[in-house]
Amino acid sequence: MKLFSAGYPKHLRKKQTQAPGTGLDNAHTKRIRELLPDNYRNILCNLVDTEHGQSGSPVWRHVEQDGKTVCQLVGIQTSVDRQFNYAVLLTEEVLKQIVTWAPKTFKYMDGLLTIKK
């Protein structure tokens, strides 16, 4: 799965960048979830080019919708180690938790998180 992220790497001093990469929701991610299911059930391992200072950056993929290519937000970059980058995967559980934290701002219905008017 091809993924993208954008953010403000520390070394570029407030210049925004966009970087492509690869999602690894595969054997490595599944293995982590098996070993530490409570800690990693909503984690997406990825190889998106991420720098220090980009935690909180969006992670998205391109999908076809009604004949057009649109961006679908799939996660939020959180950390990096020597091998992979990690993002919180925006699962139903995570989206519902966001509503719990900010019920006056967001609502969740039919698989979509929306901002209340």
Protein backbone atom coordinates (compact mmCIF):
# COMPACT_ATOMS: atom_id res chain seq x y z
CA MET A 1 0.00 0.00 0.00
CA LYS A 2 1.48 3.36 -0.98
CA LEU A 3 1.19 5.97 1.76
CA PHE A 4 1.93 9.66 2.02
CA SER A 5 2.64 12.03 4.87
CA ALA A 6 3.22 15.74 5.23
CA GLY A 7 4.73 17.78 7.97
CA TYR A 8 7.43 20.14 9.07
CA PRO A 9 10.76 18.34 9.54
CA LYS A 10 12.88 19.98 12.22
CA HIS A 11 15.87 20.55 9.92
CA LEU A 12 13.81 22.46 7.29
CA ARG A 13 12.79 25.17 9.78
CA LYS A 14 9.06 25.53 9.26
CA LYS A 15 8.99 24.50 5.58
CA GLN A 16 6.29 21.95 4.87
CA THR A 17 7.14 18.79 2.94
CA GLN A 18 5.20 15.88 1.52
CA ALA A 19 6.76 12.45 1.29
CA PRO A 20 5.64 9.15 -0.23
CA GLY A 21 6.34 5.79 1.36
CA THR A 22 5.09 2.29 1.88
CA GLY A 23 2.62 0.96 4.42
CA LEU A 24 3.64 -2.21 6.16
CA ASP A 25 0.36 -3.47 7.46
CA ASN A 26 1.76 -6.92 6.77
CA ALA A 27 3.73 -9.60 8.58
CA HIS A 28 5.78 -7.13 10.67
CA THR A 29 2.74 -5.19 11.86
CA LYS A 30 0.81 -8.42 12.52
CA ARG A 31 3.74 -9.86 14.49
CA ILE A 32 3.89 -6.77 16.73
CA ARG A 33 0.13 -7.02 17.30
CA GLU A 34 0.48 -10.68 18.26
CA LEU A 35 3.29 -9.98 20.74
CA LEU A 36 1.75 -6.89 22.33
CA PRO A 37 -1.93 -6.87 21.38
CA ASP A 38 -3.06 -4.23 23.87
CA ASN A 39 -0.32 -1.77 22.94
CA TYR A 40 -0.22 -2.21 19.15
CA ARG A 41 -3.71 -3.11 17.98
CA ASN A 42 -4.13 0.30 16.30
CA ILE A 43 -0.58 0.75 14.98
CA LEU A 44 0.50 0.98 11.33
CA CYS A 45 4.19 0.32 10.65
CA ASN A 46 5.38 2.28 7.63
CA LEU A 47 8.38 3.46 5.66
CA VAL A 48 7.10 6.95 4.84
CA ASP A 49 10.05 9.36 4.83
CA THR A 50 9.57 10.95 8.25
CA GLU A 51 11.92 13.22 10.19
CA HIS A 52 12.11 14.22 13.85
CA GLY A 53 9.51 16.87 14.53
CA GLN A 54 6.83 15.29 12.33
CA SER A 55 4.89 13.48 15.03
CA GLY A 56 1.22 14.25 14.57
CA SER A 57 1.53 14.46 10.79
CA PRO A 58 -1.27 12.93 8.71
CA VAL A 59 -0.75 9.63 6.89
CA TRP A 60 -2.98 9.07 3.88
CA ARG A 61 -3.44 6.95 0.79
CA HIS A 62 -5.01 7.67 -2.58
CA VAL A 63 -8.27 5.86 -3.37
CA GLU A 64 -10.65 5.97 -6.31
CA GLN A 65 -14.08 7.36 -5.48
CA ASP A 66 -16.72 8.17 -8.09
CA GLY A 67 -14.09 8.15 -10.85
CA LYS A 68 -11.77 10.54 -9.00
CA THR A 69 -8.64 10.00 -6.95
CA VAL A 70 -9.14 11.28 -3.41
CA CYS A 71 -7.01 11.26 -0.28
CA GLN A 72 -8.13 8.99 2.55
CA LEU A 73 -6.67 9.72 5.97
CA VAL A 74 -5.55 6.40 7.51
CA GLY A 75 -3.32 7.39 10.41
CA ILE A 76 -1.31 9.91 12.40
CA GLN A 77 2.50 9.57 12.59
CA THR A 78 3.64 9.05 16.17
CA SER A 79 7.18 7.72 16.36
CA VAL A 80 10.18 6.24 14.61
CA ASP A 81 12.83 3.69 15.49
CA ARG A 82 15.84 2.42 13.56
CA GLN A 83 13.71 0.22 11.34
CA PHE A 84 10.22 1.68 10.93
CA ASN A 85 7.94 4.65 11.45
CA TYR A 86 4.75 4.13 13.39
CA ALA A 87 1.34 5.72 13.01
CA VAL A 88 -1.86 5.39 14.98
CA LEU A 89 -4.21 3.65 12.58
CA LEU A 90 -7.57 5.42 12.43
CA THR A 91 -9.72 2.40 13.23
CA GLU A 92 -13.32 2.55 14.37
CA GLU A 93 -12.07 2.21 17.96
CA VAL A 94 -9.75 5.21 17.61
CA LEU A 95 -12.36 7.38 15.87
CA LYS A 96 -14.90 6.65 18.62
CA GLN A 97 -12.29 7.53 21.24
CA ILE A 98 -11.77 10.92 19.57
CA VAL A 99 -15.52 11.57 19.93
CA THR A 100 -15.33 10.56 23.60
CA TRP A 101 -12.56 13.12 24.17
CA ALA A 102 -14.31 15.92 22.25
CA PRO A 103 -18.06 15.18 22.02
CA LYS A 104 -18.99 18.83 21.43
CA THR A 105 -16.70 18.98 18.40
CA PHE A 106 -16.99 15.59 16.66
CA LYS A 107 -19.56 12.94 15.87
CA TYR A 108 -19.06 9.43 14.52
CA MET A 109 -21.67 7.77 12.33
CA ASP A 110 -21.58 5.15 9.60
CA GLY A 111 -17.80 4.85 9.72
CA LEU A 112 -17.18 8.60 9.36
CA LEU A 113 -15.81 11.08 11.85
CA THR A 114 -17.26 14.53 11.19
CA ILE A 115 -17.09 17.96 12.77
CA LYS A 116 -20.32 19.16 14.35
CA LYS A 117 -21.71 22.43 13.06
